[in-house]
Protein backbone atom coordinates (compact mmCIF):
# COMPACT_ATOMS: atom_id res chain seq x y z
CA MET A 1 10.80 -26.95 -0.50
CA GLU A 2 12.85 -26.38 -3.64
CA THR A 3 12.56 -23.75 -6.35
CA LYS A 4 11.40 -25.30 -9.62
CA GLN A 5 12.60 -24.01 -12.99
CA THR A 6 9.57 -22.33 -14.52
CA THR A 7 8.68 -19.27 -16.54
CA ASP A 8 5.08 -19.20 -15.27
CA THR A 9 4.78 -16.03 -13.19
CA SER A 10 1.53 -17.14 -11.54
CA ALA A 11 3.06 -20.45 -10.50
CA LEU A 12 6.12 -18.71 -9.07
CA GLU A 13 3.98 -16.23 -7.13
CA ALA A 14 1.91 -19.06 -5.65
CA GLN A 15 5.12 -20.90 -4.76
CA LEU A 16 6.54 -17.75 -3.15
CA LEU A 17 3.48 -17.28 -0.94
CA ALA A 18 3.50 -20.94 0.08
CA GLU A 19 7.19 -20.78 0.95
CA PHE A 20 6.71 -17.61 2.98
CA GLU A 21 3.91 -19.19 5.00
CA ALA A 22 6.09 -22.25 5.56
CA PHE A 23 8.97 -19.97 6.59
CA LYS A 24 6.84 -18.09 9.14
CA SER A 25 5.52 -21.32 10.61
CA ALA A 26 8.98 -22.89 10.91
CA ASN A 27 10.51 -19.72 12.35
CA ASP A 28 7.71 -19.37 14.92
CA GLU A 29 8.41 -22.94 15.96
CA ARG A 30 12.14 -22.18 16.18
CA VAL A 31 11.58 -19.06 18.34
CA ALA A 32 9.21 -20.95 20.64
CA ALA A 33 11.82 -23.67 21.11
CA ILE A 34 14.49 -21.09 21.95
CA GLU A 35 12.20 -19.43 24.50
CA ALA A 36 11.44 -22.83 26.03
CA LYS A 37 15.20 -23.53 26.12
CA THR A 38 14.74 -26.59 23.92
CA ALA A 39 16.44 -25.20 20.80
CA ASP A 40 16.71 -27.78 18.02
CA VAL A 41 19.45 -27.58 15.40
CA LEU A 42 17.16 -29.36 12.95
CA LEU A 43 14.66 -26.52 13.25
CA ASP A 44 17.44 -24.02 12.51
CA GLU A 45 18.40 -25.97 9.41
CA LYS A 46 14.76 -26.18 8.30
CA VAL A 47 14.31 -22.40 8.61
CA ALA A 48 17.57 -21.78 6.73
CA ARG A 49 16.56 -24.20 3.96
CA ILE A 50 13.14 -22.56 3.45
CA ASP A 51 14.78 -19.14 3.63
CA ARG A 52 17.14 -20.04 0.77
CA SER A 53 14.30 -21.42 -1.31
CA LEU A 54 12.27 -18.27 -0.66
CA ALA A 55 15.16 -16.11 -1.85
CA GLU A 56 15.66 -18.22 -4.99
CA THR A 57 11.98 -18.06 -5.90
CA LYS A 58 11.91 -14.28 -5.43
CA SER A 59 15.04 -13.96 -7.60
CA ALA A 60 13.38 -16.00 -10.34
CA LEU A 61 10.31 -13.73 -10.21
CA ASP A 62 12.49 -10.62 -10.35
CA ARG A 63 14.36 -11.95 -13.39
CA LEU A 64 11.07 -12.53 -15.22
CA ALA A 65 9.85 -9.04 -14.33
CA MET A 66 13.12 -7.45 -15.47
CA LYS A 67 13.12 -9.43 -18.73
CA ALA A 68 9.60 -8.23 -19.47
CA ALA A 69 10.61 -4.62 -18.74
CA LEU A 70 13.72 -4.57 -20.94
CA PRO A 71 13.51 -2.25 -23.94
CA VAL A 72 12.97 -3.87 -27.33
CA VAL A 73 16.01 -3.32 -29.54
CA ASP A 74 15.39 -5.88 -32.29
CA ASP A 75 14.20 -3.29 -34.81
CA GLU A 76 17.23 -1.12 -34.13
CA ARG A 77 19.63 -4.05 -34.44
CA GLU A 78 18.51 -4.56 -38.04
CA THR A 79 20.19 -1.27 -38.94
CA VAL A 80 23.63 -2.24 -37.58
CA PRO A 81 26.03 -1.30 -40.39
CA GLN A 82 27.28 -4.14 -42.59
CA GLY A 83 30.79 -2.77 -42.29
CA TRP A 84 30.72 -3.28 -38.53
CA SER A 85 29.80 -6.97 -38.81
CA ALA A 86 32.55 -7.46 -41.40
CA TYR A 87 35.05 -5.94 -38.98
CA LEU A 88 33.99 -8.18 -36.08
CA ARG A 89 33.87 -11.36 -38.14
CA ALA A 90 36.91 -10.96 -40.38
CA GLY A 91 38.78 -7.84 -39.31
CA ASP A 92 37.84 -6.07 -42.56
CA GLU A 93 38.33 -2.37 -41.78
CA ARG A 94 37.36 -1.02 -45.18
CA GLY A 95 33.65 -0.85 -44.43
CA VAL A 96 34.28 0.58 -40.97
CA SER A 97 36.32 3.46 -42.32
CA ARG A 98 33.50 4.53 -44.68
CA LEU A 99 30.84 4.74 -41.94
CA ASP A 100 29.37 8.03 -40.75
CA THR A 101 31.75 9.54 -38.19
CA LYS A 102 28.79 10.46 -35.97
CA SER A 103 28.10 6.80 -35.25
CA LEU A 104 31.49 5.17 -35.79
CA ASN A 105 34.87 6.79 -35.61
CA LEU A 106 38.41 5.52 -35.99
CA GLY A 107 39.96 5.30 -32.54
CA ASP A 108 42.83 7.58 -31.68
CA ASP A 109 46.37 6.27 -31.28
CA THR A 110 46.21 6.17 -27.48
CA GLU A 111 43.08 4.02 -27.28
CA GLY A 112 42.94 2.11 -30.54
CA GLY A 113 39.97 0.25 -31.93
CA TYR A 114 36.68 1.63 -33.21
CA LEU A 115 33.75 3.32 -31.57
CA ALA A 116 30.90 0.81 -31.73
CA PRO A 117 27.60 1.69 -33.43
CA PRO A 118 24.89 3.08 -31.12
CA GLN A 119 22.88 -0.14 -31.55
CA LEU A 120 25.60 -2.17 -29.82
CA ASP A 121 25.96 0.51 -27.16
CA ARG A 122 22.24 0.23 -26.37
CA MET A 123 22.41 -3.56 -26.24
CA ILE A 124 25.23 -3.38 -23.68
CA GLU A 125 23.36 -0.76 -21.62
CA ALA A 126 20.16 -2.86 -21.62
CA ARG A 127 22.09 -5.88 -20.33
CA LEU A 128 23.86 -3.84 -17.68
CA LEU A 129 20.50 -2.50 -16.50
CA SER A 130 19.22 -6.05 -15.97
CA ALA A 131 22.39 -7.08 -14.11
CA SER A 132 23.02 -3.97 -12.00
CA PRO A 133 20.75 -3.28 -9.01
CA MET A 134 22.13 0.24 -8.64
CA ARG A 135 21.35 1.13 -12.26
CA GLN A 136 17.75 0.07 -11.63
CA ILE A 137 17.27 2.49 -8.72
CA ALA A 138 19.72 5.37 -9.37
CA THR A 139 19.73 8.20 -11.90
CA VAL A 140 21.68 7.43 -15.08
CA ARG A 141 22.95 10.23 -17.32
CA GLN A 142 24.53 10.06 -20.77
CA THR A 143 27.44 12.38 -21.48
CA SER A 144 29.92 13.06 -24.26
CA VAL A 145 32.60 14.56 -21.98
CA GLY A 146 35.17 12.92 -19.74
CA THR A 147 33.89 14.54 -16.52
CA PHE A 148 30.26 15.35 -15.76
CA LYS A 149 29.97 18.43 -13.54
CA LYS A 150 26.83 19.20 -11.57
CA PRO A 151 26.30 22.39 -9.52
CA VAL A 152 24.20 21.88 -6.39
CA SER A 153 22.51 24.61 -4.37
CA LEU A 154 23.07 24.23 -0.63
CA GLY A 155 20.62 26.99 0.26
CA ALA A 156 17.65 28.43 -1.60
CA ALA A 157 17.61 32.19 -2.16
CA ALA A 158 13.91 33.18 -1.92
CA ALA A 159 11.59 35.49 0.00
CA TRP A 160 7.91 36.46 0.30
CA ALA A 161 6.50 39.67 -1.15
CA ALA A 162 3.13 41.36 -1.65
CA GLU A 163 1.73 41.54 -5.19
CA GLU A 164 2.85 45.13 -5.64
CA GLY A 165 5.37 45.23 -2.81
CA ALA A 166 9.06 45.95 -3.16
CA ARG A 167 11.35 42.99 -3.66
CA ALA A 168 14.29 43.06 -1.30
CA GLU A 169 17.54 41.69 -2.64
CA THR A 170 18.03 38.05 -1.64
CA THR A 171 21.34 36.66 -0.52
CA ALA A 172 23.39 34.80 -3.10
CA PRO A 173 22.82 31.03 -3.03
CA THR A 174 25.58 28.76 -1.77
CA LEU A 175 26.65 26.37 -4.52
CA SER A 176 28.74 23.23 -4.52
CA LEU A 177 30.18 21.73 -7.70
CA LEU A 178 30.16 17.94 -7.89
CA ASP A 179 32.48 16.18 -10.34
CA PHE A 180 31.76 12.73 -11.75
CA PRO A 181 34.73 11.61 -13.90
CA ALA A 182 34.05 8.70 -16.26
CA ALA A 183 36.66 5.98 -15.72
CA GLU A 184 37.51 3.28 -18.23
CA LEU A 185 35.97 -0.15 -17.73
CA TYR A 186 37.23 -2.92 -19.98
CA ALA A 187 36.67 -6.58 -20.83
CA MET A 188 38.37 -8.90 -23.31
CA PRO A 189 36.04 -11.72 -24.43
CA ALA A 190 37.50 -14.34 -26.77
CA ALA A 191 35.95 -16.17 -29.72
CA THR A 192 37.09 -18.80 -32.15
CA GLN A 193 37.21 -17.92 -35.82
CA ALA A 194 34.79 -20.80 -36.44
CA LEU A 195 32.19 -19.05 -34.24
CA LEU A 196 32.73 -15.76 -36.08
CA ASP A 197 32.37 -17.48 -39.47
CA ASP A 198 29.02 -18.99 -38.46
CA SER A 199 26.40 -16.87 -40.22
CA PHE A 200 23.72 -17.98 -37.75
CA VAL A 201 25.59 -16.41 -34.82
CA ASP A 202 24.64 -12.80 -34.11
CA VAL A 203 28.08 -11.41 -33.26
CA ASP A 204 26.73 -8.17 -31.78
CA GLU A 205 24.47 -10.12 -29.40
CA TRP A 206 27.35 -12.43 -28.51
CA LEU A 207 29.67 -9.53 -27.71
CA ALA A 208 27.03 -7.72 -25.60
CA ASP A 209 26.34 -10.92 -23.65
CA GLU A 210 30.04 -11.61 -23.07
CA VAL A 211 30.89 -8.17 -21.69
CA GLN A 212 27.76 -8.02 -19.51
CA ASP A 213 29.07 -10.24 -16.72
CA ALA A 214 32.51 -8.64 -16.66
CA PHE A 215 31.20 -5.07 -16.72
CA SER A 216 28.34 -5.61 -14.25
CA ALA A 217 30.53 -7.33 -11.65
CA GLN A 218 32.98 -4.42 -11.62
CA GLU A 219 30.22 -1.81 -11.67
CA ASN A 220 28.26 -3.38 -8.82
CA THR A 221 31.32 -3.34 -6.57
CA ALA A 222 32.28 0.22 -7.52
CA PHE A 223 28.79 1.65 -6.97
CA VAL A 224 28.92 0.35 -3.38
CA SER A 225 32.55 0.74 -2.31
CA GLY A 226 34.49 2.28 -5.22
CA THR A 227 37.20 4.77 -4.25
CA GLY A 228 36.50 7.31 -7.00
CA THR A 229 40.04 6.90 -8.35
CA ASN A 230 39.89 5.34 -11.84
CA GLN A 231 36.42 4.02 -10.92
CA PRO A 232 33.04 5.37 -9.71
CA ARG A 233 32.80 6.41 -6.06
CA GLY A 234 30.59 4.11 -4.02
CA ILE A 235 28.01 5.09 -1.43
CA LEU A 236 30.11 3.56 1.37
CA SER A 237 33.36 5.33 0.44
CA TYR A 238 32.26 8.72 1.80
CA THR A 239 32.90 9.86 5.35
CA GLU A 240 30.18 8.46 7.62
CA THR A 241 29.02 10.72 10.44
CA ALA A 242 26.37 10.32 13.14
CA ASN A 243 23.22 11.66 11.49
CA ALA A 244 22.65 14.38 14.08
CA SER A 245 25.93 16.07 13.10
CA GLN A 246 26.08 15.13 9.40
CA SER A 247 27.01 17.88 6.96
CA TRP A 248 27.17 18.14 3.15
CA GLY A 249 29.70 15.72 1.68
CA GLU A 250 29.13 13.15 4.43
CA ILE A 251 26.74 10.20 4.75
CA GLY A 252 24.70 10.25 7.94
CA TYR A 253 24.42 7.02 9.94
CA ILE A 254 22.16 5.61 12.62
CA ALA A 255 23.79 3.28 15.16
CA SER A 256 22.41 -0.24 15.61
CA GLY A 257 22.77 -0.02 19.38
CA ALA A 258 25.38 -2.75 19.82
CA ALA A 259 28.84 -3.52 18.47
CA GLY A 260 28.53 -5.82 15.48
CA ASP A 261 24.79 -6.44 15.80
CA PHE A 262 21.43 -4.93 16.66
CA ALA A 263 20.73 -4.19 20.31
CA THR A 264 18.71 -7.13 21.60
CA GLY A 265 15.09 -6.85 20.53
CA GLU A 266 15.59 -3.41 18.98
CA GLU A 267 15.77 -4.29 15.27
CA VAL A 268 12.46 -2.62 14.46
CA ASP A 269 13.23 0.49 16.52
CA ARG A 270 16.60 0.96 14.83
CA LEU A 271 15.14 0.48 11.36
CA LEU A 272 12.45 3.04 12.16
CA ASP A 273 15.18 5.46 13.33
CA LEU A 274 16.89 4.91 9.98
CA ILE A 275 13.66 5.54 8.06
CA TYR A 276 12.90 8.78 9.90
CA ALA A 277 16.47 10.01 9.61
CA LEU A 278 15.43 10.94 6.06
CA LYS A 279 13.64 14.21 5.46
CA PRO A 280 9.98 13.75 4.39
CA GLY A 281 10.72 14.76 0.79
CA PHE A 282 12.94 11.71 0.30
CA ARG A 283 10.87 9.07 2.11
CA GLY A 284 8.16 8.77 -0.55
CA ASN A 285 10.48 6.97 -3.00
CA ALA A 286 12.90 5.52 -0.47
CA ARG A 287 14.01 1.89 -0.25
CA PHE A 288 16.32 -0.37 1.74
CA VAL A 289 19.54 -1.69 0.18
CA MET A 290 21.38 -4.69 1.65
CA ASN A 291 22.78 -8.08 0.70
CA ARG A 292 20.84 -11.33 0.91
CA ARG A 293 22.45 -12.40 4.20
CA SER A 294 21.35 -9.22 5.96
CA LEU A 295 17.88 -9.60 4.44
CA SER A 296 17.77 -13.18 5.69
CA THR A 297 18.42 -11.92 9.22
CA LEU A 298 15.67 -9.30 9.05
CA ARG A 299 13.22 -11.72 7.44
CA LYS A 300 12.90 -13.42 10.85
CA VAL A 301 12.06 -10.21 12.75
CA LYS A 302 8.56 -9.34 14.04
CA ASP A 303 7.14 -6.02 15.16
CA GLY A 304 5.56 -5.33 18.54
CA ASP A 305 2.25 -6.82 17.38
CA GLY A 306 3.84 -10.11 16.36
CA ARG A 307 3.74 -9.41 12.60
CA TYR A 308 6.70 -10.11 10.36
CA ILE A 309 8.26 -6.89 9.07
CA PHE A 310 9.19 -8.62 5.78
CA ALA A 311 6.69 -9.15 2.97
CA PRO A 312 7.42 -10.92 -0.34
CA GLY A 313 6.75 -8.90 -3.49
CA LEU A 314 4.28 -10.15 -6.08
CA GLY A 315 3.39 -8.99 -9.58
CA GLY A 316 6.86 -7.65 -10.26
CA GLU A 317 6.94 -5.65 -7.02
CA ALA A 318 10.01 -5.71 -4.78
CA ALA A 319 10.00 -7.45 -1.42
CA SER A 320 9.53 -4.99 1.43
CA LEU A 321 10.57 -4.26 5.01
CA LEU A 322 8.23 -2.16 7.14
CA GLY A 323 6.38 -1.25 3.95
CA PHE A 324 9.45 0.02 2.05
CA PRO A 325 10.88 -1.90 -0.94
CA VAL A 326 14.18 -3.77 -0.63
CA THR A 327 16.90 -3.96 -3.28
CA GLU A 328 19.46 -6.71 -2.85
CA MET A 329 23.07 -5.75 -3.57
CA GLU A 330 25.53 -8.54 -2.94
CA ASP A 331 28.42 -6.09 -2.60
CA MET A 332 26.93 -4.52 0.52
CA PRO A 333 28.88 -5.73 3.59
CA ASP A 334 27.63 -8.36 6.01
CA ILE A 335 26.45 -7.50 9.51
CA ALA A 336 29.69 -7.08 11.50
CA ALA A 337 31.36 -4.68 13.92
CA ASP A 338 31.44 -1.09 12.57
CA ALA A 339 30.11 -2.23 9.17
CA THR A 340 27.29 -0.38 7.41
CA PRO A 341 25.35 -3.29 5.88
CA ILE A 342 22.04 -1.45 5.38
CA ALA A 343 21.38 1.73 3.42
CA PHE A 344 18.07 3.52 3.13
CA GLY A 345 17.10 6.40 0.91
CA ASP A 346 15.83 7.78 -2.36
CA PHE A 347 18.62 6.53 -4.63
CA ARG A 348 17.09 8.18 -7.70
CA LYS A 349 17.80 11.54 -6.09
CA GLY A 350 20.81 10.39 -4.11
CA TYR A 351 23.12 8.55 -6.53
CA LEU A 352 24.17 9.47 -10.07
CA ILE A 353 25.67 7.12 -12.68
CA VAL A 354 27.36 8.75 -15.67
CA ASP A 355 27.80 6.82 -18.94
CA ARG A 356 30.09 8.35 -21.51
CA GLN A 357 28.56 7.55 -24.87
CA GLY A 358 30.29 5.06 -27.10
CA ALA A 359 31.71 1.64 -26.36
CA ARG A 360 35.02 1.03 -28.11
CA VAL A 361 36.05 -2.32 -29.60
CA LEU A 362 39.51 -3.43 -30.75
CA ARG A 363 39.68 -6.75 -32.60
CA ASP A 364 42.90 -8.60 -31.74
CA PRO A 365 43.56 -11.88 -33.62
CA TYR A 366 47.25 -12.03 -32.64
CA SER A 367 47.70 -12.03 -28.85
CA ALA A 368 45.99 -15.37 -28.05
CA LYS A 369 46.07 -17.47 -31.22
CA PRO A 370 43.94 -19.33 -32.30
CA TYR A 371 41.41 -17.14 -30.46
CA VAL A 372 40.26 -13.69 -31.49
CA LEU A 373 40.11 -11.21 -28.61
CA PHE A 374 37.73 -8.26 -28.53
CA TYR A 375 39.16 -5.59 -26.25
CA THR A 376 35.98 -3.72 -25.32
CA THR A 377 36.00 -0.54 -23.25
CA LYS A 378 33.27 1.67 -21.79
CA ARG A 379 33.59 4.78 -19.66
CA VAL A 380 31.48 4.96 -16.50
CA GLY A 381 31.43 7.29 -13.51
CA GLY A 382 29.26 7.65 -10.45
CA GLY A 383 28.85 9.06 -6.99
CA VAL A 384 26.47 10.55 -4.46
CA GLN A 385 24.74 13.66 -5.81
CA ASN A 386 22.54 14.45 -2.78
CA PHE A 387 23.91 13.61 0.66
CA ASP A 388 20.56 14.19 2.35
CA ALA A 389 18.88 11.44 0.29
CA ILE A 390 20.82 8.41 1.60
CA LYS A 391 21.37 7.20 5.17
CA VAL A 392 23.11 4.06 6.46
CA LEU A 393 22.80 1.83 9.51
CA LYS A 394 26.11 1.30 11.30
CA MET A 395 26.61 -1.77 13.48
CA SER A 396 27.92 0.03 16.54
CA ALA A 397 26.79 1.06 20.00
CA SER A 398 26.85 4.74 19.10
């Protein structure tokens, strides 16, 4: 079964259901052959082929749903200053210099270039949202400062009292200050002067499209495994501690039961342990995060009643495991010894992305003649803001 190119959501949903039924049937046949000790490599290949097609169809559905959910910016784009277009197309800085300093400022000597109009900034952000799984599930904050600081209370100071009773003094709350510095992310798309001279080409749209892939690839990696030095800090860069002894500043983990894999036949039990490692207040909006190879492994797993724990999402809904939605992040590690390939939690409460307002663009017609380079920078930070809201599954015996 192959995924057909179509924009018909109903047709894709029907195809997804048909592929999932075919997958279950083929996998049941494969498991029965293994149990009968008559394993067939052709059956393995058939299951893998349907599995890939299932993943492609689901991706196509997700792209349609995301496209429909993107904010409409066409009306705002009509107000992009004429001086900005003249700068991008011909390097004419006269119009740029006369623009309102609140929306467009001359860059300082250390950075160079010009702060792009807010319309271009929003176009870039909309494209990053569609290309970044973490941006879709985490909290995103706008800031005008280099470092976003957030105080967090580690213990509530409260007590009960009668309506007219005396109020005893409560103990002072314990606070922790989290810092999220915004690091510089840059891309340098190139254009020919002929493209820039073409009046039918929307240069702002072109620039936003060109930087999307470069920015999103770097962001996606950083949100998962970034070190926090000159880049956001990823969820897997924090100290990982067995959940029973986890403290603030650490990510709690549940062991898979075996080195480099799940303990035999215990996939469901270990996933349930991971789910219930979260406090009840975080489970309502929790989800699994893993890459497509890990999801492919779990797609074949059944519970104790013989039901598949995976369910394909329809109508714009995410696929699910054990009733919880799944977000695919390709930068999550594969299942391997001591790896943490699966995360579970409320990422809206758990992870914070900080965007410093204002993309900066420097037009460079000299460094790569005959091409015109557009050195485009954006400042982004990120990190865990609530260490109780995210747990990981570690592929280890304990």
